[in-house]
Amino acid sequence: SRFNEGFSEAESVLKVIYSSGEGHETLLYHLLEKCEFADRII
């Protein structure tokens, strides 16, 4: 909600997977890379 302020529901996006470029330029991708040490990632 903080990040979607000023956008309609149709314009809002899931910020953790938002990318204006390639799919590996998302917050989730970078977080997953940092979690490579783990045996399980929830």
PDB file of all heavy atoms in Angstrom:
ATOM      1  N   SER A   1       0.809  -1.217   0.000  1.00  0.00           N
ATOM      2  CA  SER A   1       0.000   0.000   0.000  1.00  0.00           C
ATOM      3  C   SER A   1       0.843   1.270   0.000  1.00  0.00           C
ATOM      4  O   SER A   1       0.512   2.239  -0.682  1.00  0.00           O
ATOM      5  CB  SER A   1      -0.973   0.006   1.175  1.00  0.00           C
ATOM      6  OG  SER A   1      -0.278  -0.091   2.401  1.00  0.00           O
ATOM      7  N   ARG A   2       1.957   1.283   0.716  1.00  0.00           N
ATOM      8  CA  ARG A   2       2.814   2.477   0.715  1.00  0.00           C
ATOM      9  C   ARG A   2       3.405   2.719  -0.656  1.00  0.00           C
ATOM     10  O   ARG A   2       3.514   3.853  -1.109  1.00  0.00           O
ATOM     11  CB  ARG A   2       3.959   2.335   1.711  1.00  0.00           C
ATOM     12  CG  ARG A   2       3.537   2.324   3.136  1.00  0.00           C
ATOM     13  CD  ARG A   2       4.748   2.109   4.003  1.00  0.00           C
ATOM     14  NE  ARG A   2       5.427   0.907   3.503  1.00  0.00           N
ATOM     15  CZ  ARG A   2       6.331   0.232   4.160  1.00  0.00           C
ATOM     16  NH1 ARG A   2       6.709   0.626   5.328  1.00  0.00           N
ATOM     17  NH2 ARG A   2       6.879  -0.838   3.655  1.00  0.00           N
ATOM     18  N   PHE A   3       3.795   1.648  -1.340  1.00  0.00           N
ATOM     19  CA  PHE A   3       4.451   1.780  -2.630  1.00  0.00           C
ATOM     20  C   PHE A   3       3.465   2.004  -3.769  1.00  0.00           C
ATOM     21  O   PHE A   3       3.844   2.482  -4.822  1.00  0.00           O
ATOM     22  CB  PHE A   3       5.296   0.543  -2.917  1.00  0.00           C
ATOM     23  CG  PHE A   3       6.336   0.301  -1.869  1.00  0.00           C
ATOM     24  CD1 PHE A   3       6.262  -0.805  -1.057  1.00  0.00           C
ATOM     25  CD2 PHE A   3       7.372   1.189  -1.686  1.00  0.00           C
ATOM     26  CE1 PHE A   3       7.210  -1.037  -0.083  1.00  0.00           C
ATOM     27  CE2 PHE A   3       8.331   0.977  -0.712  1.00  0.00           C
ATOM     28  CZ  PHE A   3       8.251  -0.138   0.094  1.00  0.00           C
ATOM     29  N   ASN A   4       2.203   1.635  -3.573  1.00  0.00           N
ATOM     30  CA  ASN A   4       1.196   1.790  -4.616  1.00  0.00           C
ATOM     31  C   ASN A   4       0.390   3.071  -4.451  1.00  0.00           C
ATOM     32  O   ASN A   4      -0.568   3.286  -5.190  1.00  0.00           O
ATOM     33  CB  ASN A   4       0.245   0.583  -4.630  1.00  0.00           C
ATOM     34  CG  ASN A   4       0.862  -0.614  -5.309  1.00  0.00           C
ATOM     35  OD1 ASN A   4       1.603  -0.470  -6.263  1.00  0.00           O
ATOM     36  ND2 ASN A   4       0.571  -1.792  -4.815  1.00  0.00           N
ATOM     37  N   GLU A   5       0.763   3.914  -3.494  1.00  0.00           N
ATOM     38  CA  GLU A   5       0.037   5.160  -3.261  1.00  0.00           C
ATOM     39  C   GLU A   5       0.018   5.989  -4.540  1.00  0.00           C
ATOM     40  O   GLU A   5       1.040   6.203  -5.187  1.00  0.00           O
ATOM     41  CB  GLU A   5       0.729   5.942  -2.144  1.00  0.00           C
ATOM     42  CG  GLU A   5      -0.145   7.016  -1.547  1.00  0.00           C
ATOM     43  CD  GLU A   5       0.476   7.584  -0.287  1.00  0.00           C
ATOM     44  OE1 GLU A   5       0.549   6.850   0.710  1.00  0.00           O
ATOM     45  OE2 GLU A   5       0.897   8.745  -0.333  1.00  0.00           O
ATOM     46  N   GLY A   6      -1.153   6.442  -4.930  1.00  0.00           N
ATOM     47  CA  GLY A   6      -1.299   7.241  -6.135  1.00  0.00           C
ATOM     48  C   GLY A   6      -1.580   6.429  -7.390  1.00  0.00           C
ATOM     49  O   GLY A   6      -1.776   6.987  -8.458  1.00  0.00           O
ATOM     50  N   PHE A   7      -1.588   5.102  -7.282  1.00  0.00           N
ATOM     51  CA  PHE A   7      -1.883   4.229  -8.418  1.00  0.00           C
ATOM     52  C   PHE A   7      -3.238   3.579  -8.206  1.00  0.00           C
ATOM     53  O   PHE A   7      -3.625   3.288  -7.078  1.00  0.00           O
ATOM     54  CB  PHE A   7      -0.832   3.121  -8.560  1.00  0.00           C
ATOM     55  CG  PHE A   7       0.530   3.610  -8.946  1.00  0.00           C
ATOM     56  CD1 PHE A   7       1.492   3.842  -7.972  1.00  0.00           C
ATOM     57  CD2 PHE A   7       0.841   3.849 -10.266  1.00  0.00           C
ATOM     58  CE1 PHE A   7       2.745   4.298  -8.310  1.00  0.00           C
ATOM     59  CE2 PHE A   7       2.102   4.298 -10.620  1.00  0.00           C
ATOM     60  CZ  PHE A   7       3.062   4.527  -9.640  1.00  0.00           C
ATOM     61  N   SER A   8      -3.939   3.304  -9.303  1.00  0.00           N
ATOM     62  CA  SER A   8      -5.191   2.555  -9.196  1.00  0.00           C
ATOM     63  C   SER A   8      -4.857   1.088  -8.968  1.00  0.00           C
ATOM     64  O   SER A   8      -3.716   0.656  -9.166  1.00  0.00           O
ATOM     65  CB  SER A   8      -6.020   2.703 -10.473  1.00  0.00           C
ATOM     66  OG  SER A   8      -5.406   1.999 -11.534  1.00  0.00           O
ATOM     67  N   GLU A   9      -5.836   0.304  -8.577  1.00  0.00           N
ATOM     68  CA  GLU A   9      -5.623  -1.136  -8.354  1.00  0.00           C
ATOM     69  C   GLU A   9      -5.091  -1.803  -9.625  1.00  0.00           C
ATOM     70  O   GLU A   9      -4.223  -2.657  -9.569  1.00  0.00           O
ATOM     71  CB  GLU A   9      -6.935  -1.805  -7.911  1.00  0.00           C
ATOM     72  CG  GLU A   9      -6.833  -3.292  -7.657  1.00  0.00           C
ATOM     73  CD  GLU A   9      -5.993  -3.677  -6.442  1.00  0.00           C
ATOM     74  OE1 GLU A   9      -5.860  -2.872  -5.517  1.00  0.00           O
ATOM     75  OE2 GLU A   9      -5.465  -4.807  -6.439  1.00  0.00           O
ATOM     76  N   ALA A  10      -5.595  -1.373 -10.774  1.00  0.00           N
ATOM     77  CA  ALA A  10      -5.165  -1.961 -12.047  1.00  0.00           C
ATOM     78  C   ALA A  10      -3.706  -1.613 -12.359  1.00  0.00           C
ATOM     79  O   ALA A  10      -3.006  -2.380 -13.005  1.00  0.00           O
ATOM     80  CB  ALA A  10      -6.065  -1.488 -13.179  1.00  0.00           C
ATOM     81  N   GLU A  11      -3.246  -0.446 -11.887  1.00  0.00           N
ATOM     82  CA  GLU A  11      -1.873  -0.023 -12.157  1.00  0.00           C
ATOM     83  C   GLU A  11      -0.873  -0.584 -11.150  1.00  0.00           C
ATOM     84  O   GLU A  11       0.319  -0.615 -11.420  1.00  0.00           O
ATOM     85  CB  GLU A  11      -1.762   1.503 -12.121  1.00  0.00           C
ATOM     86  CG  GLU A  11      -2.564   2.220 -13.181  1.00  0.00           C
ATOM     87  CD  GLU A  11      -2.560   3.722 -12.960  1.00  0.00           C
ATOM     88  OE1 GLU A  11      -2.775   4.165 -11.823  1.00  0.00           O
ATOM     89  OE2 GLU A  11      -2.337   4.434 -13.956  1.00  0.00           O
ATOM     90  N   SER A  12      -1.367  -0.994  -9.998  1.00  0.00           N
ATOM     91  CA  SER A  12      -0.459  -1.460  -8.954  1.00  0.00           C
ATOM     92  C   SER A  12       0.181  -2.788  -9.361  1.00  0.00           C
ATOM     93  O   SER A  12      -0.386  -3.556 -10.118  1.00  0.00           O
ATOM     94  CB  SER A  12      -1.192  -1.603  -7.627  1.00  0.00           C
ATOM     95  OG  SER A  12      -2.153  -2.622  -7.685  1.00  0.00           O
ATOM     96  N   VAL A  13       1.368  -3.006  -8.866  1.00  0.00           N
ATOM     97  CA  VAL A  13       2.098  -4.227  -9.175  1.00  0.00           C
ATOM     98  C   VAL A  13       2.668  -4.815  -7.884  1.00  0.00           C
ATOM     99  O   VAL A  13       2.816  -4.120  -6.888  1.00  0.00           O
ATOM    100  CB  VAL A  13       3.250  -3.981 -10.180  1.00  0.00           C
ATOM    101  CG1 VAL A  13       2.715  -3.549 -11.519  1.00  0.00           C
ATOM    102  CG2 VAL A  13       4.244  -2.987  -9.634  1.00  0.00           C
ATOM    103  N   LEU A  14       3.008  -6.066  -7.932  1.00  0.00           N
ATOM    104  CA  LEU A  14       3.653  -6.726  -6.810  1.00  0.00           C
ATOM    105  C   LEU A  14       5.111  -6.273  -6.825  1.00  0.00           C
ATOM    106  O   LEU A  14       5.883  -6.646  -7.710  1.00  0.00           O
ATOM    107  CB  LEU A  14       3.535  -8.245  -6.952  1.00  0.00           C
ATOM    108  CG  LEU A  14       4.061  -9.086  -5.813  1.00  0.00           C
ATOM    109  CD1 LEU A  14       3.358  -8.724  -4.496  1.00  0.00           C
ATOM    110  CD2 LEU A  14       3.880 -10.553  -6.111  1.00  0.00           C
ATOM    111  N   LYS A  15       5.470  -5.455  -5.871  1.00  0.00           N
ATOM    112  CA  LYS A  15       6.779  -4.794  -5.895  1.00  0.00           C
ATOM    113  C   LYS A  15       7.962  -5.751  -5.817  1.00  0.00           C
ATOM    114  O   LYS A  15       9.010  -5.473  -6.372  1.00  0.00           O
ATOM    115  CB  LYS A  15       6.879  -3.772  -4.749  1.00  0.00           C
ATOM    116  CG  LYS A  15       5.856  -2.665  -4.833  1.00  0.00           C
ATOM    117  CD  LYS A  15       5.949  -1.924  -6.149  1.00  0.00           C
ATOM    118  CE  LYS A  15       5.022  -0.743  -6.228  1.00  0.00           C
ATOM    119  NZ  LYS A  15       3.766  -0.992  -6.853  1.00  0.00           N
ATOM    120  N   VAL A  16       7.809  -6.876  -5.151  1.00  0.00           N
ATOM    121  CA  VAL A  16       8.927  -7.795  -4.988  1.00  0.00           C
ATOM    122  C   VAL A  16       9.342  -8.431  -6.322  1.00  0.00           C
ATOM    123  O   VAL A  16      10.475  -8.877  -6.466  1.00  0.00           O
ATOM    124  CB  VAL A  16       8.612  -8.860  -3.908  1.00  0.00           C
ATOM    125  CG1 VAL A  16       7.651  -9.907  -4.422  1.00  0.00           C
ATOM    126  CG2 VAL A  16       9.867  -9.471  -3.344  1.00  0.00           C
ATOM    127  N   ILE A  17       8.448  -8.426  -7.322  1.00  0.00           N
ATOM    128  CA  ILE A  17       8.807  -8.982  -8.631  1.00  0.00           C
ATOM    129  C   ILE A  17       8.783  -7.930  -9.732  1.00  0.00           C
ATOM    130  O   ILE A  17       8.952  -8.251 -10.907  1.00  0.00           O
ATOM    131  CB  ILE A  17       7.894 -10.176  -9.023  1.00  0.00           C
ATOM    132  CG1 ILE A  17       6.438  -9.756  -9.109  1.00  0.00           C
ATOM    133  CG2 ILE A  17       8.110 -11.333  -8.058  1.00  0.00           C
ATOM    134  CD1 ILE A  17       5.533 -10.822  -9.713  1.00  0.00           C
ATOM    135  N   TYR A  18       8.620  -6.660  -9.375  1.00  0.00           N
ATOM    136  CA  TYR A  18       8.607  -5.589 -10.379  1.00  0.00           C
ATOM    137  C   TYR A  18       9.991  -5.419 -10.998  1.00  0.00           C
ATOM    138  O   TYR A  18      11.002  -5.424 -10.312  1.00  0.00           O
ATOM    139  CB  TYR A  18       8.169  -4.254  -9.754  1.00  0.00           C
ATOM    140  CG  TYR A  18       8.354  -3.110 -10.705  1.00  0.00           C
ATOM    141  CD1 TYR A  18       7.432  -2.897 -11.728  1.00  0.00           C
ATOM    142  CD2 TYR A  18       9.457  -2.276 -10.623  1.00  0.00           C
ATOM    143  CE1 TYR A  18       7.613  -1.867 -12.633  1.00  0.00           C
ATOM    144  CE2 TYR A  18       9.646  -1.244 -11.515  1.00  0.00           C
ATOM    145  CZ  TYR A  18       8.725  -1.041 -12.517  1.00  0.00           C
ATOM    146  OH  TYR A  18       8.901  -0.030 -13.420  1.00  0.00           O
ATOM    147  N   SER A  19      10.010  -5.256 -12.296  1.00  0.00           N
ATOM    148  CA  SER A  19      11.246  -4.977 -13.010  1.00  0.00           C
ATOM    149  C   SER A  19      10.924  -4.183 -14.259  1.00  0.00           C
ATOM    150  O   SER A  19       9.972  -4.503 -14.972  1.00  0.00           O
ATOM    151  CB  SER A  19      11.939  -6.278 -13.411  1.00  0.00           C
ATOM    152  OG  SER A  19      13.070  -5.998 -14.202  1.00  0.00           O
ATOM    153  N   SER A  20      11.711  -3.151 -14.515  1.00  0.00           N
ATOM    154  CA  SER A  20      11.540  -2.409 -15.762  1.00  0.00           C
ATOM    155  C   SER A  20      12.463  -2.984 -16.836  1.00  0.00           C
ATOM    156  O   SER A  20      12.454  -2.531 -17.962  1.00  0.00           O
ATOM    157  CB  SER A  20      11.830  -0.927 -15.546  1.00  0.00           C
ATOM    158  OG  SER A  20      13.172  -0.751 -15.119  1.00  0.00           O
ATOM    159  N   GLY A  21      13.236  -3.987 -16.454  1.00  0.00           N
ATOM    160  CA  GLY A  21      14.161  -4.626 -17.384  1.00  0.00           C
ATOM    161  C   GLY A  21      13.942  -6.115 -17.434  1.00  0.00           C
ATOM    162  O   GLY A  21      12.813  -6.586 -17.576  1.00  0.00           O
ATOM    163  N   GLU A  22      15.011  -6.850 -17.257  1.00  0.00           N
ATOM    164  CA  GLU A  22      14.946  -8.306 -17.311  1.00  0.00           C
ATOM    165  C   GLU A  22      14.447  -8.868 -15.985  1.00  0.00           C
ATOM    166  O   GLU A  22      14.526  -8.218 -14.951  1.00  0.00           O
ATOM    167  CB  GLU A  22      16.329  -8.869 -17.634  1.00  0.00           C
ATOM    168  CG  GLU A  22      16.819  -8.443 -19.006  1.00  0.00           C
ATOM    169  CD  GLU A  22      18.176  -9.034 -19.331  1.00  0.00           C
ATOM    170  OE1 GLU A  22      18.471 -10.142 -18.853  1.00  0.00           O
ATOM    171  OE2 GLU A  22      18.912  -8.381 -20.059  1.00  0.00           O
ATOM    172  N   GLY A  23      13.967 -10.119 -16.000  1.00  0.00           N
ATOM    173  CA  GLY A  23      13.385 -10.759 -14.832  1.00  0.00           C
ATOM    174  C   GLY A  23      14.332 -10.967 -13.673  1.00  0.00           C
ATOM    175  O   GLY A  23      13.915 -11.117 -12.538  1.00  0.00           O
ATOM    176  N   HIS A  24      15.638 -10.955 -13.939  1.00  0.00           N
ATOM    177  CA  HIS A  24      16.590 -11.137 -12.839  1.00  0.00           C
ATOM    178  C   HIS A  24      16.944  -9.814 -12.162  1.00  0.00           C
ATOM    179  O   HIS A  24      17.815  -9.763 -11.315  1.00  0.00           O
ATOM    180  CB  HIS A  24      17.858 -11.866 -13.328  1.00  0.00           C
ATOM    181  CG  HIS A  24      18.643 -11.104 -14.340  1.00  0.00           C
ATOM    182  ND1 HIS A  24      18.391 -11.193 -15.679  1.00  0.00           N
ATOM    183  CD2 HIS A  24      19.660 -10.230 -14.197  1.00  0.00           C
ATOM    184  CE1 HIS A  24      19.230 -10.406 -16.335  1.00  0.00           C
ATOM    185  NE2 HIS A  24      20.007  -9.810 -15.451  1.00  0.00           N
ATOM    186  N   GLU A  25      16.260  -8.747 -12.525  1.00  0.00           N
ATOM    187  CA  GLU A  25      16.480  -7.430 -11.914  1.00  0.00           C
ATOM    188  C   GLU A  25      15.369  -7.097 -10.921  1.00  0.00           C
ATOM    189  O   GLU A  25      14.948  -5.946 -10.814  1.00  0.00           O
ATOM    190  CB  GLU A  25      16.579  -6.365 -12.988  1.00  0.00           C
ATOM    191  CG  GLU A  25      17.764  -6.548 -13.910  1.00  0.00           C
ATOM    192  CD  GLU A  25      17.817  -5.529 -15.025  1.00  0.00           C
ATOM    193  OE1 GLU A  25      16.943  -4.645 -15.086  1.00  0.00           O
ATOM    194  OE2 GLU A  25      18.746  -5.618 -15.839  1.00  0.00           O
ATOM    195  N   THR A  26      14.901  -8.096 -10.189  1.00  0.00           N
ATOM    196  CA  THR A  26      13.832  -7.872  -9.212  1.00  0.00           C
ATOM    197  C   THR A  26      14.381  -7.999  -7.794  1.00  0.00           C
ATOM    198  O   THR A  26      15.428  -8.609  -7.571  1.00  0.00           O
ATOM    199  CB  THR A  26      12.698  -8.907  -9.384  1.00  0.00           C
ATOM    200  OG1 THR A  26      13.199 -10.197  -9.032  1.00  0.00           O
ATOM    201  CG2 THR A  26      12.135  -8.910 -10.797  1.00  0.00           C
ATOM    202  N   LEU A  27      13.646  -7.435  -6.855  1.00  0.00           N
ATOM    203  CA  LEU A  27      14.019  -7.551  -5.453  1.00  0.00           C
ATOM    204  C   LEU A  27      14.027  -9.020  -5.033  1.00  0.00           C
ATOM    205  O   LEU A  27      14.960  -9.479  -4.364  1.00  0.00           O
ATOM    206  CB  LEU A  27      13.049  -6.751  -4.589  1.00  0.00           C
ATOM    207  CG  LEU A  27      13.250  -6.858  -3.079  1.00  0.00           C
ATOM    208  CD1 LEU A  27      14.651  -6.416  -2.675  1.00  0.00           C
ATOM    209  CD2 LEU A  27      12.196  -6.033  -2.356  1.00  0.00           C
ATOM    210  N   LEU A  28      13.017  -9.776  -5.442  1.00  0.00           N
ATOM    211  CA  LEU A  28      12.944 -11.180  -5.056  1.00  0.00           C
ATOM    212  C   LEU A  28      14.145 -11.964  -5.581  1.00  0.00           C
ATOM    213  O   LEU A  28      14.737 -12.772  -4.874  1.00  0.00           O
ATOM    214  CB  LEU A  28      11.643 -11.824  -5.527  1.00  0.00           C
ATOM    215  CG  LEU A  28      11.467 -13.292  -5.149  1.00  0.00           C
ATOM    216  CD1 LEU A  28      11.522 -13.481  -3.631  1.00  0.00           C
ATOM    217  CD2 LEU A  28      10.168 -13.838  -5.708  1.00  0.00           C
ATOM    218  N   TYR A  29      14.525 -11.721  -6.798  1.00  0.00           N
ATOM    219  CA  TYR A  29      15.674 -12.420  -7.381  1.00  0.00           C
ATOM    220  C   TYR A  29      16.926 -12.181  -6.541  1.00  0.00           C
ATOM    221  O   TYR A  29      17.656 -13.118  -6.217  1.00  0.00           O
ATOM    222  CB  TYR A  29      15.901 -11.972  -8.828  1.00  0.00           C
ATOM    223  CG  TYR A  29      16.975 -12.741  -9.535  1.00  0.00           C
ATOM    224  CD1 TYR A  29      16.678 -13.921 -10.200  1.00  0.00           C
ATOM    225  CD2 TYR A  29      18.295 -12.306  -9.525  1.00  0.00           C
ATOM    226  CE1 TYR A  29      17.663 -14.651 -10.848  1.00  0.00           C
ATOM    227  CE2 TYR A  29      19.287 -13.019 -10.157  1.00  0.00           C
ATOM    228  CZ  TYR A  29      18.966 -14.188 -10.825  1.00  0.00           C
ATOM    229  OH  TYR A  29      19.942 -14.917 -11.461  1.00  0.00           O
ATOM    230  N   HIS A  30      17.152 -10.932  -6.172  1.00  0.00           N
ATOM    231  CA  HIS A  30      18.333 -10.591  -5.377  1.00  0.00           C
ATOM    232  C   HIS A  30      18.265 -11.198  -3.972  1.00  0.00           C
ATOM    233  O   HIS A  30      19.278 -11.659  -3.443  1.00  0.00           O
ATOM    234  CB  HIS A  30      18.535  -9.088  -5.324  1.00  0.00           C
ATOM    235  CG  HIS A  30      18.917  -8.508  -6.655  1.00  0.00           C
ATOM    236  ND1 HIS A  30      20.125  -8.757  -7.263  1.00  0.00           N
ATOM    237  CD2 HIS A  30      18.229  -7.740  -7.513  1.00  0.00           C
ATOM    238  CE1 HIS A  30      20.177  -8.148  -8.429  1.00  0.00           C
ATOM    239  NE2 HIS A  30      19.031  -7.524  -8.612  1.00  0.00           N
ATOM    240  N   LEU A  31      17.069 -11.203  -3.385  1.00  0.00           N
ATOM    241  CA  LEU A  31      16.914 -11.831  -2.072  1.00  0.00           C
ATOM    242  C   LEU A  31      17.178 -13.329  -2.145  1.00  0.00           C
ATOM    243  O   LEU A  31      17.833 -13.899  -1.275  1.00  0.00           O
ATOM    244  CB  LEU A  31      15.511 -11.576  -1.520  1.00  0.00           C
ATOM    245  CG  LEU A  31      15.196 -10.143  -1.093  1.00  0.00           C
ATOM    246  CD1 LEU A  31      13.707  -9.990  -0.792  1.00  0.00           C
ATOM    247  CD2 LEU A  31      16.041  -9.754   0.106  1.00  0.00           C
ATOM    248  N   LEU A  32      16.666 -13.969  -3.181  1.00  0.00           N
ATOM    249  CA  LEU A  32      16.893 -15.409  -3.350  1.00  0.00           C
ATOM    250  C   LEU A  32      18.374 -15.721  -3.533  1.00  0.00           C
ATOM    251  O   LEU A  32      18.877 -16.694  -2.981  1.00  0.00           O
ATOM    252  CB  LEU A  32      16.080 -15.944  -4.528  1.00  0.00           C
ATOM    253  CG  LEU A  32      14.573 -16.019  -4.306  1.00  0.00           C
ATOM    254  CD1 LEU A  32      13.852 -16.282  -5.623  1.00  0.00           C
ATOM    255  CD2 LEU A  32      14.221 -17.069  -3.265  1.00  0.00           C
ATOM    256  N   GLU A  33      19.073 -14.879  -4.295  1.00  0.00           N
ATOM    257  CA  GLU A  33      20.510 -15.080  -4.468  1.00  0.00           C
ATOM    258  C   GLU A  33      21.239 -15.017  -3.127  1.00  0.00           C
ATOM    259  O   GLU A  33      22.148 -15.786  -2.874  1.00  0.00           O
ATOM    260  CB  GLU A  33      21.093 -14.024  -5.403  1.00  0.00           C
ATOM    261  CG  GLU A  33      20.886 -14.320  -6.861  1.00  0.00           C
ATOM    262  CD  GLU A  33      21.667 -13.363  -7.732  1.00  0.00           C
ATOM    263  OE1 GLU A  33      21.721 -12.150  -7.413  1.00  0.00           O
ATOM    264  OE2 GLU A  33      22.229 -13.832  -8.730  1.00  0.00           O
ATOM    265  N   LYS A  34      20.828 -14.086  -2.273  1.00  0.00           N
ATOM    266  CA  LYS A  34      21.455 -13.947  -0.955  1.00  0.00           C
ATOM    267  C   LYS A  34      21.133 -15.132  -0.047  1.00  0.00           C
ATOM    268  O   LYS A  34      21.822 -15.355   0.935  1.00  0.00           O
ATOM    269  CB  LYS A  34      21.037 -12.639  -0.306  1.00  0.00           C
ATOM    270  CG  LYS A  34      21.626 -11.420  -0.992  1.00  0.00           C
ATOM    271  CD  LYS A  34      21.291 -10.168  -0.242  1.00  0.00           C
ATOM    272  CE  LYS A  34      21.835  -8.947  -0.932  1.00  0.00           C
ATOM    273  NZ  LYS A  34      23.273  -8.874  -0.997  1.00  0.00           N
ATOM    274  N   CYS A  35      20.099 -15.869  -0.381  1.00  0.00           N
ATOM    275  CA  CYS A  35      19.684 -17.020   0.427  1.00  0.00           C
ATOM    276  C   CYS A  35      20.206 -18.338  -0.128  1.00  0.00           C
ATOM    277  O   CYS A  35      19.799 -19.406   0.326  1.00  0.00           O
ATOM    278  CB  CYS A  35      18.157 -17.064   0.522  1.00  0.00           C
ATOM    279  SG  CYS A  35      17.456 -15.691   1.436  1.00  0.00           S
ATOM    280  N   GLU A  36      21.105 -18.300  -1.083  1.00  0.00           N
ATOM    281  CA  GLU A  36      21.648 -19.537  -1.664  1.00  0.00           C
ATOM    282  C   GLU A  36      22.288 -20.443  -0.630  1.00  0.00           C
ATOM    283  O   GLU A  36      22.352 -21.654  -0.819  1.00  0.00           O
ATOM    284  CB  GLU A  36      22.665 -19.206  -2.757  1.00  0.00           C
ATOM    285  CG  GLU A  36      22.024 -18.745  -4.040  1.00  0.00           C
ATOM    286  CD  GLU A  36      23.045 -18.443  -5.123  1.00  0.00           C
ATOM    287  OE1 GLU A  36      24.100 -17.869  -4.804  1.00  0.00           O
ATOM    288  OE2 GLU A  36      22.769 -18.791  -6.286  1.00  0.00           O
ATOM    289  N   PHE A  37      22.741 -19.869   0.488  1.00  0.00           N
ATOM    290  CA  PHE A  37      23.376 -20.654   1.548  1.00  0.00           C
ATOM    291  C   PHE A  37      22.392 -21.629   2.209  1.00  0.00           C
ATOM    292  O   PHE A  37      22.787 -22.638   2.780  1.00  0.00           O
ATOM    293  CB  PHE A  37      23.933 -19.726   2.644  1.00  0.00           C
ATOM    294  CG  PHE A  37      22.840 -19.053   3.442  1.00  0.00           C
ATOM    295  CD1 PHE A  37      22.341 -19.662   4.590  1.00  0.00           C
ATOM    296  CD2 PHE A  37      22.299 -17.851   3.034  1.00  0.00           C
ATOM    297  CE1 PHE A  37      21.320 -19.062   5.320  1.00  0.00           C
ATOM    298  CE2 PHE A  37      21.289 -17.248   3.756  1.00  0.00           C
ATOM    299  CZ  PHE A  37      20.796 -17.850   4.901  1.00  0.00           C
ATOM    300  N   ALA A  38      21.105 -21.306   2.121  1.00  0.00           N
ATOM    301  CA  ALA A  38      20.076 -22.071   2.839  1.00  0.00           C
ATOM    302  C   ALA A  38      19.774 -23.389   2.144  1.00  0.00           C
ATOM    303  O   ALA A  38      19.865 -23.502   0.916  1.00  0.00           O
ATOM    304  CB  ALA A  38      18.803 -21.245   2.969  1.00  0.00           C
ATOM    305  N   ASP A  39      19.385 -24.359   2.955  1.00  0.00           N
ATOM    306  CA  ASP A  39      18.936 -25.643   2.418  1.00  0.00           C
ATOM    307  C   ASP A  39      17.486 -25.547   1.948  1.00  0.00           C
ATOM    308  O   ASP A  39      17.069 -26.277   1.052  1.00  0.00           O
ATOM    309  CB  ASP A  39      19.036 -26.728   3.502  1.00  0.00           C
ATOM    310  CG  ASP A  39      20.451 -26.890   4.005  1.00  0.00           C
ATOM    311  OD1 ASP A  39      21.365 -27.078   3.172  1.00  0.00           O
ATOM    312  OD2 ASP A  39      20.652 -26.801   5.232  1.00  0.00           O
ATOM    313  N   ARG A  40      16.724 -24.656   2.571  1.00  0.00           N
ATOM    314  CA  ARG A  40      15.307 -24.455   2.262  1.00  0.00           C
ATOM    315  C   ARG A  40      15.025 -22.960   2.312  1.00  0.00           C
ATOM    316  O   ARG A  40      15.475 -22.274   3.224  1.00  0.00           O
ATOM    317  CB  ARG A  40      14.449 -25.169   3.309  1.00  0.00           C
ATOM    318  CG  ARG A  40      13.040 -25.386   2.922  1.00  0.00           C
ATOM    319  CD  ARG A  40      13.063 -26.187   1.715  1.00  0.00           C
ATOM    320  NE  ARG A  40      12.004 -27.137   1.555  1.00  0.00           N
ATOM    321  CZ  ARG A  40      11.701 -27.564   0.361  1.00  0.00           C
ATOM    322  NH1 ARG A  40      12.335 -27.125  -0.677  1.00  0.00           N
ATOM    323  NH2 ARG A  40      10.766 -28.455   0.208  1.00  0.00           N
ATOM    324  N   ILE A  41      14.295 -22.438   1.325  1.00  0.00           N
ATOM    325  CA  ILE A  41      13.917 -21.031   1.291  1.00  0.00           C
ATOM    326  C   ILE A  41      12.398 -20.962   1.283  1.00  0.00           C
ATOM    327  O   ILE A  41      11.753 -21.427   0.340  1.00  0.00           O
ATOM    328  CB  ILE A  41      14.474 -20.308   0.047  1.00  0.00           C
ATOM    329  CG1 ILE A  41      15.998 -20.473  -0.026  1.00  0.00           C
ATOM    330  CG2 ILE A  41      14.077 -18.835   0.070  1.00  0.00           C
ATOM    331  CD1 ILE A  41      16.594 -20.040  -1.347  1.00  0.00           C
ATOM    332  N   ILE A  42      11.842 -20.409   2.330  1.00  0.00           N
ATOM    333  CA  ILE A  42      10.392 -20.277   2.436  1.00  0.00           C
ATOM    334  C   ILE A  42      10.025 -18.872   1.963  1.00  0.00           C
ATOM    335  O   ILE A  42      10.520 -17.883   2.497  1.00  0.00           O
ATOM    336  CB  ILE A  42       9.916 -20.505   3.874  1.00  0.00           C
ATOM    337  CG1 ILE A  42      10.266 -21.934   4.300  1.00  0.00           C
ATOM    338  CG2 ILE A  42       8.416 -20.241   4.008  1.00  0.00           C
ATOM    339  CD1 ILE A  42      10.061 -22.202   5.767  1.00  0.00           C
TER     340      ILE A  42
END
